[in-house]
Amino acid sequence: MKELIEFIVKELVECPEEVRITEIDGERTIVFELRCNPEDVGKVIGKSGKTVGAIRTLLSTVAARQGRRAMLEVVE
């Protein structure tokens, strides 16, 4: 799942080398913290949060197939 997020976000941003994803693994929930260049945060979030919402939907679908929950947080 981390690789999926990383692939999608690196294709969206101007500085893909600054994309950092931290995985916090719980018993049934995984939290992913996404850090990137401050200028790229808007591109990741998108208009009205639609881009990050779509990424979260994909992430939730993949996690559900594994019987888990996943959350994505964009850290500025």
PDB file of N, CA and C in Angstrom:
ATOM      1  N   MET A   1       0.814  -1.192   0.000  1.00  0.00           N
ATOM      2  CA  MET A   1       0.000   0.000   0.000  1.00  0.00           C
ATOM      3  C   MET A   1       0.860   1.260   0.000  1.00  0.00           C
ATOM      4  N   LYS A   2       1.960   1.206   0.718  1.00  0.00           N
ATOM      5  CA  LYS A   2       2.862   2.358   0.768  1.00  0.00           C
ATOM      6  C   LYS A   2       3.399   2.667  -0.624  1.00  0.00           C
ATOM      7  N   GLU A   3       3.706   1.612  -1.370  1.00  0.00           N
ATOM      8  CA  GLU A   3       4.235   1.805  -2.720  1.00  0.00           C
ATOM      9  C   GLU A   3       3.194   2.439  -3.640  1.00  0.00           C
ATOM     10  N   LEU A   4       1.932   2.066  -3.449  1.00  0.00           N
ATOM     11  CA  LEU A   4       0.852   2.642  -4.249  1.00  0.00           C
ATOM     12  C   LEU A   4       0.744   4.145  -4.018  1.00  0.00           C
ATOM     13  N   ILE A   5       0.725   4.544  -2.752  1.00  0.00           N
ATOM     14  CA  ILE A   5       0.649   5.975  -2.420  1.00  0.00           C
ATOM     15  C   ILE A   5       1.853   6.712  -2.982  1.00  0.00           C
ATOM     16  N   GLU A   6       3.024   6.131  -2.776  1.00  0.00           N
ATOM     17  CA  GLU A   6       4.262   6.763  -3.235  1.00  0.00           C
ATOM     18  C   GLU A   6       4.252   6.960  -4.743  1.00  0.00           C
ATOM     19  N   PHE A   7       3.814   5.963  -5.489  1.00  0.00           N
ATOM     20  CA  PHE A   7       3.769   6.052  -6.942  1.00  0.00           C
ATOM     21  C   PHE A   7       2.826   7.162  -7.396  1.00  0.00           C
ATOM     22  N   ILE A   8       1.633   7.195  -6.826  1.00  0.00           N
ATOM     23  CA  ILE A   8       0.635   8.190  -7.226  1.00  0.00           C
ATOM     24  C   ILE A   8       1.113   9.605  -6.908  1.00  0.00           C
ATOM     25  N   VAL A   9       1.592   9.800  -5.693  1.00  0.00           N
ATOM     26  CA  VAL A   9       1.987  11.148  -5.258  1.00  0.00           C
ATOM     27  C   VAL A   9       3.208  11.632  -6.034  1.00  0.00           C
ATOM     28  N   LYS A  10       4.180  10.774  -6.276  1.00  0.00           N
ATOM     29  CA  LYS A  10       5.379  11.203  -7.005  1.00  0.00           C
ATOM     30  C   LYS A  10       5.057  11.632  -8.431  1.00  0.00           C
ATOM     31  N   GLU A  11       3.990  11.093  -9.008  1.00  0.00           N
ATOM     32  CA  GLU A  11       3.591  11.505 -10.351  1.00  0.00           C
ATOM     33  C   GLU A  11       2.877  12.861 -10.346  1.00  0.00           C
ATOM     34  N   LEU A  12       2.355  13.263  -9.199  1.00  0.00           N
ATOM     35  CA  LEU A  12       1.610  14.521  -9.108  1.00  0.00           C
ATOM     36  C   LEU A  12       2.483  15.733  -8.810  1.00  0.00           C
ATOM     37  N   VAL A  13       3.559  15.550  -8.066  1.00  0.00           N
ATOM     38  CA  VAL A  13       4.315  16.680  -7.523  1.00  0.00           C
ATOM     39  C   VAL A  13       5.475  17.098  -8.424  1.00  0.00           C
ATOM     40  N   GLU A  14       5.985  18.300  -8.156  1.00  0.00           N
ATOM     41  CA  GLU A  14       7.136  18.830  -8.887  1.00  0.00           C
ATOM     42  C   GLU A  14       8.458  18.291  -8.347  1.00  0.00           C
ATOM     43  N   CYS A  15       8.505  18.015  -7.047  1.00  0.00           N
ATOM     44  CA  CYS A  15       9.730  17.529  -6.398  1.00  0.00           C
ATOM     45  C   CYS A  15       9.506  16.128  -5.833  1.00  0.00           C
ATOM     46  N   PRO A  16       9.516  15.102  -6.685  1.00  0.00           N
ATOM     47  CA  PRO A  16       9.222  13.744  -6.204  1.00  0.00           C
ATOM     48  C   PRO A  16      10.265  13.203  -5.229  1.00  0.00           C
ATOM     49  N   GLU A  17      11.474  13.753  -5.250  1.00  0.00           N
ATOM     50  CA  GLU A  17      12.522  13.262  -4.348  1.00  0.00           C
ATOM     51  C   GLU A  17      12.269  13.674  -2.899  1.00  0.00           C
ATOM     52  N   GLU A  18      11.363  14.636  -2.677  1.00  0.00           N
ATOM     53  CA  GLU A  18      11.062  15.091  -1.326  1.00  0.00           C
ATOM     54  C   GLU A  18       9.835  14.409  -0.716  1.00  0.00           C
ATOM     55  N   VAL A  19       9.245  13.464  -1.417  1.00  0.00           N
ATOM     56  CA  VAL A  19       8.070  12.761  -0.909  1.00  0.00           C
ATOM     57  C   VAL A  19       8.523  11.735   0.129  1.00  0.00           C
ATOM     58  N   ARG A  20       7.936  11.815   1.327  1.00  0.00           N
ATOM     59  CA  ARG A  20       8.247  10.894   2.421  1.00  0.00           C
ATOM     60  C   ARG A  20       6.945  10.328   2.967  1.00  0.00           C
ATOM     61  N   ILE A  21       6.876   9.027   3.086  1.00  0.00           N
ATOM     62  CA  ILE A  21       5.689   8.377   3.624  1.00  0.00           C
ATOM     63  C   ILE A  21       6.101   7.541   4.819  1.00  0.00           C
ATOM     64  N   THR A  22       5.477   7.815   5.958  1.00  0.00           N
ATOM     65  CA  THR A  22       5.741   7.077   7.183  1.00  0.00           C
ATOM     66  C   THR A  22       4.546   6.175   7.450  1.00  0.00           C
ATOM     67  N   GLU A  23       4.828   4.925   7.728  1.00  0.00           N
ATOM     68  CA  GLU A  23       3.775   3.940   7.969  1.00  0.00           C
ATOM     69  C   GLU A  23       3.714   3.618   9.461  1.00  0.00           C
ATOM     70  N   ILE A  24       2.551   3.838  10.064  1.00  0.00           N
ATOM     71  CA  ILE A  24       2.334   3.518  11.473  1.00  0.00           C
ATOM     72  C   ILE A  24       1.348   2.360  11.501  1.00  0.00           C
ATOM     73  N   ASP A  25       1.830   1.193  11.875  1.00  0.00           N
ATOM     74  CA  ASP A  25       1.051  -0.028  11.787  1.00  0.00           C
ATOM     75  C   ASP A  25       0.413  -0.370  13.122  1.00  0.00           C
ATOM     76  N   GLY A  26      -0.904  -0.459  13.133  1.00  0.00           N
ATOM     77  CA  GLY A  26      -1.642  -0.862  14.324  1.00  0.00           C
ATOM     78  C   GLY A  26      -2.143  -2.284  14.158  1.00  0.00           C
ATOM     79  N   GLU A  27      -3.003  -2.708  15.051  1.00  0.00           N
ATOM     80  CA  GLU A  27      -3.511  -4.074  14.990  1.00  0.00           C
ATOM     81  C   GLU A  27      -4.383  -4.298  13.757  1.00  0.00           C
ATOM     82  N   ARG A  28      -5.353  -3.405  13.534  1.00  0.00           N
ATOM     83  CA  ARG A  28      -6.221  -3.547  12.370  1.00  0.00           C
ATOM     84  C   ARG A  28      -6.223  -2.307  11.483  1.00  0.00           C
ATOM     85  N   THR A  29      -5.484  -1.294  11.881  1.00  0.00           N
ATOM     86  CA  THR A  29      -5.464  -0.035  11.138  1.00  0.00           C
ATOM     87  C   THR A  29      -4.031   0.370  10.825  1.00  0.00           C
ATOM     88  N   ILE A  30      -3.836   0.881   9.623  1.00  0.00           N
ATOM     89  CA  ILE A  30      -2.538   1.416   9.210  1.00  0.00           C
ATOM     90  C   ILE A  30      -2.731   2.905   8.928  1.00  0.00           C
ATOM     91  N   VAL A  31      -1.859   3.726   9.486  1.00  0.00           N
ATOM     92  CA  VAL A  31      -1.904   5.164   9.239  1.00  0.00           C
ATOM     93  C   VAL A  31      -0.663   5.526   8.421  1.00  0.00           C
ATOM     94  N   PHE A  32      -0.892   6.202   7.315  1.00  0.00           N
ATOM     95  CA  PHE A  32       0.203   6.669   6.474  1.00  0.00           C
ATOM     96  C   PHE A  32       0.287   8.182   6.604  1.00  0.00           C
ATOM     97  N   GLU A  33       1.470   8.673   6.954  1.00  0.00           N
ATOM     98  CA  GLU A  33       1.704  10.115   7.033  1.00  0.00           C
ATOM     99  C   GLU A  33       2.505  10.522   5.804  1.00  0.00           C
ATOM    100  N   LEU A  34       1.970  11.445   5.051  1.00  0.00           N
ATOM    101  CA  LEU A  34       2.597  11.891   3.811  1.00  0.00           C
ATOM    102  C   LEU A  34       3.204  13.260   4.016  1.00  0.00           C
ATOM    103  N   ARG A  35       4.491  13.374   3.739  1.00  0.00           N
ATOM    104  CA  ARG A  35       5.185  14.653   3.790  1.00  0.00           C
ATOM    105  C   ARG A  35       5.783  14.915   2.410  1.00  0.00           C
ATOM    106  N   CYS A  36       5.679  16.173   1.972  1.00  0.00           N
ATOM    107  CA  CYS A  36       6.276  16.557   0.696  1.00  0.00           C
ATOM    108  C   CYS A  36       6.651  18.031   0.761  1.00  0.00           C
ATOM    109  N   ASN A  37       7.211  18.529  -0.311  1.00  0.00           N
ATOM    110  CA  ASN A  37       7.588  19.936  -0.411  1.00  0.00           C
ATOM    111  C   ASN A  37       6.348  20.799  -0.153  1.00  0.00           C
ATOM    112  N   PRO A  38       6.470  21.847   0.658  1.00  0.00           N
ATOM    113  CA  PRO A  38       5.305  22.696   0.957  1.00  0.00           C
ATOM    114  C   PRO A  38       4.610  23.267  -0.281  1.00  0.00           C
ATOM    115  N   GLU A  39       5.343  23.473  -1.344  1.00  0.00           N
ATOM    116  CA  GLU A  39       4.748  23.987  -2.580  1.00  0.00           C
ATOM    117  C   GLU A  39       3.913  22.936  -3.291  1.00  0.00           C
ATOM    118  N   ASP A  40       4.140  21.654  -2.987  1.00  0.00           N
ATOM    119  CA  ASP A  40       3.425  20.564  -3.646  1.00  0.00           C
ATOM    120  C   ASP A  40       2.202  20.091  -2.872  1.00  0.00           C
ATOM    121  N   VAL A  41       2.018  20.583  -1.666  1.00  0.00           N
ATOM    122  CA  VAL A  41       0.907  20.116  -0.833  1.00  0.00           C
ATOM    123  C   VAL A  41      -0.435  20.386  -1.526  1.00  0.00           C
ATOM    124  N   GLY A  42      -0.562  21.543  -2.143  1.00  0.00           N
ATOM    125  CA  GLY A  42      -1.796  21.886  -2.848  1.00  0.00           C
ATOM    126  C   GLY A  42      -2.107  20.938  -3.986  1.00  0.00           C
ATOM    127  N   LYS A  43      -1.084  20.469  -4.684  1.00  0.00           N
ATOM    128  CA  LYS A  43      -1.284  19.522  -5.783  1.00  0.00           C
ATOM    129  C   LYS A  43      -1.756  18.174  -5.265  1.00  0.00           C
ATOM    130  N   VAL A  44      -1.240  17.777  -4.111  1.00  0.00           N
ATOM    131  CA  VAL A  44      -1.631  16.491  -3.528  1.00  0.00           C
ATOM    132  C   VAL A  44      -3.070  16.571  -3.011  1.00  0.00           C
ATOM    133  N   ILE A  45      -3.432  17.682  -2.397  1.00  0.00           N
ATOM    134  CA  ILE A  45      -4.784  17.829  -1.852  1.00  0.00           C
ATOM    135  C   ILE A  45      -5.798  18.044  -2.971  1.00  0.00           C
ATOM    136  N   GLY A  46      -5.475  18.877  -3.938  1.00  0.00           N
ATOM    137  CA  GLY A  46      -6.379  19.121  -5.060  1.00  0.00           C
ATOM    138  C   GLY A  46      -7.492  20.090  -4.703  1.00  0.00           C
ATOM    139  N   LYS A  47      -8.292  20.428  -5.692  1.00  0.00           N
ATOM    140  CA  LYS A  47      -9.405  21.350  -5.476  1.00  0.00           C
ATOM    141  C   LYS A  47     -10.437  20.702  -4.576  1.00  0.00           C
ATOM    142  N   SER A  48     -10.762  21.391  -3.505  1.00  0.00           N
ATOM    143  CA  SER A  48     -11.744  20.916  -2.516  1.00  0.00           C
ATOM    144  C   SER A  48     -11.391  19.539  -1.961  1.00  0.00           C
ATOM    145  N   GLY A  49     -10.120  19.162  -2.018  1.00  0.00           N
ATOM    146  CA  GLY A  49      -9.690  17.888  -1.457  1.00  0.00           C
ATOM    147  C   GLY A  49     -10.035  16.680  -2.300  1.00  0.00           C
ATOM    148  N   LYS A  50     -10.356  16.886  -3.566  1.00  0.00           N
ATOM    149  CA  LYS A  50     -10.780  15.771  -4.411  1.00  0.00           C
ATOM    150  C   LYS A  50      -9.646  14.804  -4.730  1.00  0.00           C
ATOM    151  N   THR A  51      -8.443  15.315  -4.940  1.00  0.00           N
ATOM    152  CA  THR A  51      -7.323  14.440  -5.274  1.00  0.00           C
ATOM    153  C   THR A  51      -6.955  13.544  -4.100  1.00  0.00           C
ATOM    154  N   VAL A  52      -6.794  14.129  -2.928  1.00  0.00           N
ATOM    155  CA  VAL A  52      -6.453  13.328  -1.752  1.00  0.00           C
ATOM    156  C   VAL A  52      -7.618  12.398  -1.398  1.00  0.00           C
ATOM    157  N   GLY A  53      -8.830  12.827  -1.659  1.00  0.00           N
ATOM    158  CA  GLY A  53      -9.997  11.968  -1.425  1.00  0.00           C
ATOM    159  C   GLY A  53      -9.971  10.732  -2.307  1.00  0.00           C
ATOM    160  N   ALA A  54      -9.573  10.918  -3.555  1.00  0.00           N
ATOM    161  CA  ALA A  54      -9.478   9.786  -4.478  1.00  0.00           C
ATOM    162  C   ALA A  54      -8.367   8.822  -4.054  1.00  0.00           C
ATOM    163  N   ILE A  55      -7.241   9.368  -3.610  1.00  0.00           N
ATOM    164  CA  ILE A  55      -6.143   8.519  -3.134  1.00  0.00           C
ATOM    165  C   ILE A  55      -6.590   7.738  -1.910  1.00  0.00           C
ATOM    166  N   ARG A  56      -7.319   8.392  -1.010  1.00  0.00           N
ATOM    167  CA  ARG A  56      -7.820   7.707   0.195  1.00  0.00           C
ATOM    168  C   ARG A  56      -8.809   6.600  -0.169  1.00  0.00           C
ATOM    169  N   THR A  57      -9.630   6.825  -1.182  1.00  0.00           N
ATOM    170  CA  THR A  57     -10.580   5.803  -1.623  1.00  0.00           C
ATOM    171  C   THR A  57      -9.849   4.575  -2.147  1.00  0.00           C
ATOM    172  N   LEU A  58      -8.839   4.797  -2.970  1.00  0.00           N
ATOM    173  CA  LEU A  58      -8.039   3.675  -3.484  1.00  0.00           C
ATOM    174  C   LEU A  58      -7.356   2.924  -2.344  1.00  0.00           C
ATOM    175  N   LEU A  59      -6.812   3.667  -1.418  1.00  0.00           N
ATOM    176  CA  LEU A  59      -6.122   3.079  -0.276  1.00  0.00           C
ATOM    177  C   LEU A  59      -7.077   2.252   0.578  1.00  0.00           C
ATOM    178  N   SER A  60      -8.262   2.763   0.822  1.00  0.00           N
ATOM    179  CA  SER A  60      -9.257   2.042   1.615  1.00  0.00           C
ATOM    180  C   SER A  60      -9.694   0.757   0.925  1.00  0.00           C
ATOM    181  N   THR A  61      -9.811   0.802  -0.388  1.00  0.00           N
ATOM    182  CA  THR A  61     -10.203  -0.386  -1.145  1.00  0.00           C
ATOM    183  C   THR A  61      -9.149  -1.479  -1.049  1.00  0.00           C
ATOM    184  N   VAL A  62      -7.890  -1.102  -1.199  1.00  0.00           N
ATOM    185  CA  VAL A  62      -6.796  -2.074  -1.094  1.00  0.00           C
ATOM    186  C   VAL A  62      -6.732  -2.648   0.319  1.00  0.00           C
ATOM    187  N   ALA A  63      -6.890  -1.803   1.311  1.00  0.00           N
ATOM    188  CA  ALA A  63      -6.835  -2.252   2.700  1.00  0.00           C
ATOM    189  C   ALA A  63      -8.003  -3.185   3.025  1.00  0.00           C
ATOM    190  N   ALA A  64      -9.183  -2.881   2.512  1.00  0.00           N
ATOM    191  CA  ALA A  64     -10.358  -3.717   2.772  1.00  0.00           C
ATOM    192  C   ALA A  64     -10.168  -5.126   2.226  1.00  0.00           C
ATOM    193  N   ARG A  65      -9.490  -5.246   1.110  1.00  0.00           N
ATOM    194  CA  ARG A  65      -9.220  -6.577   0.550  1.00  0.00           C
ATOM    195  C   ARG A  65      -8.325  -7.401   1.467  1.00  0.00           C
ATOM    196  N   GLN A  66      -7.537  -6.710   2.291  1.00  0.00           N
ATOM    197  CA  GLN A  66      -6.649  -7.384   3.240  1.00  0.00           C
ATOM    198  C   GLN A  66      -7.284  -7.493   4.623  1.00  0.00           C
ATOM    199  N   GLY A  67      -8.533  -7.040   4.761  1.00  0.00           N
ATOM    200  CA  GLY A  67      -9.228  -7.103   6.030  1.00  0.00           C
ATOM    201  C   GLY A  67      -8.747  -6.080   7.048  1.00  0.00           C
ATOM    202  N   ARG A  68      -8.253  -4.961   6.569  1.00  0.00           N
ATOM    203  CA  ARG A  68      -7.726  -3.916   7.453  1.00  0.00           C
ATOM    204  C   ARG A  68      -8.339  -2.578   7.088  1.00  0.00           C
ATOM    205  N   ARG A  69      -8.008  -1.558   7.865  1.00  0.00           N
ATOM    206  CA  ARG A  69      -8.393  -0.179   7.570  1.00  0.00           C
ATOM    207  C   ARG A  69      -7.123   0.622   7.349  1.00  0.00           C
ATOM    208  N   ALA A  70      -7.210   1.608   6.480  1.00  0.00           N
ATOM    209  CA  ALA A  70      -6.046   2.457   6.206  1.00  0.00           C
ATOM    210  C   ALA A  70      -6.477   3.913   6.189  1.00  0.00           C
ATOM    211  N   MET A  71      -5.608   4.762   6.716  1.00  0.00           N
ATOM    212  CA  MET A  71      -5.854   6.197   6.747  1.00  0.00           C
ATOM    213  C   MET A  71      -4.640   6.912   6.154  1.00  0.00           C
ATOM    214  N   LEU A  72      -4.901   7.998   5.457  1.00  0.00           N
ATOM    215  CA  LEU A  72      -3.830   8.814   4.890  1.00  0.00           C
ATOM    216  C   LEU A  72      -3.936  10.215   5.460  1.00  0.00           C
ATOM    217  N   GLU A  73      -2.850  10.684   6.052  1.00  0.00           N
ATOM    218  CA  GLU A  73      -2.786  12.037   6.590  1.00  0.00           C
ATOM    219  C   GLU A  73      -1.716  12.807   5.835  1.00  0.00           C
ATOM    220  N   VAL A  74      -2.060  13.995   5.364  1.00  0.00           N
ATOM    221  CA  VAL A  74      -1.090  14.864   4.703  1.00  0.00           C
ATOM    222  C   VAL A  74      -0.543  15.798   5.765  1.00  0.00           C
ATOM    223  N   VAL A  75       0.737  15.663   6.070  1.00  0.00           N
ATOM    224  CA  VAL A  75       1.386  16.467   7.109  1.00  0.00           C
ATOM    225  C   VAL A  75       2.140  17.597   6.431  1.00  0.00           C
ATOM    226  N   GLU A  76       1.852  18.820   6.872  1.00  0.00           N
ATOM    227  CA  GLU A  76       2.513  19.973   6.256  1.00  0.00           C
ATOM    228  C   GLU A  76       3.771  20.334   6.982  1.00  0.00           C
TER     229      GLU A  76
END
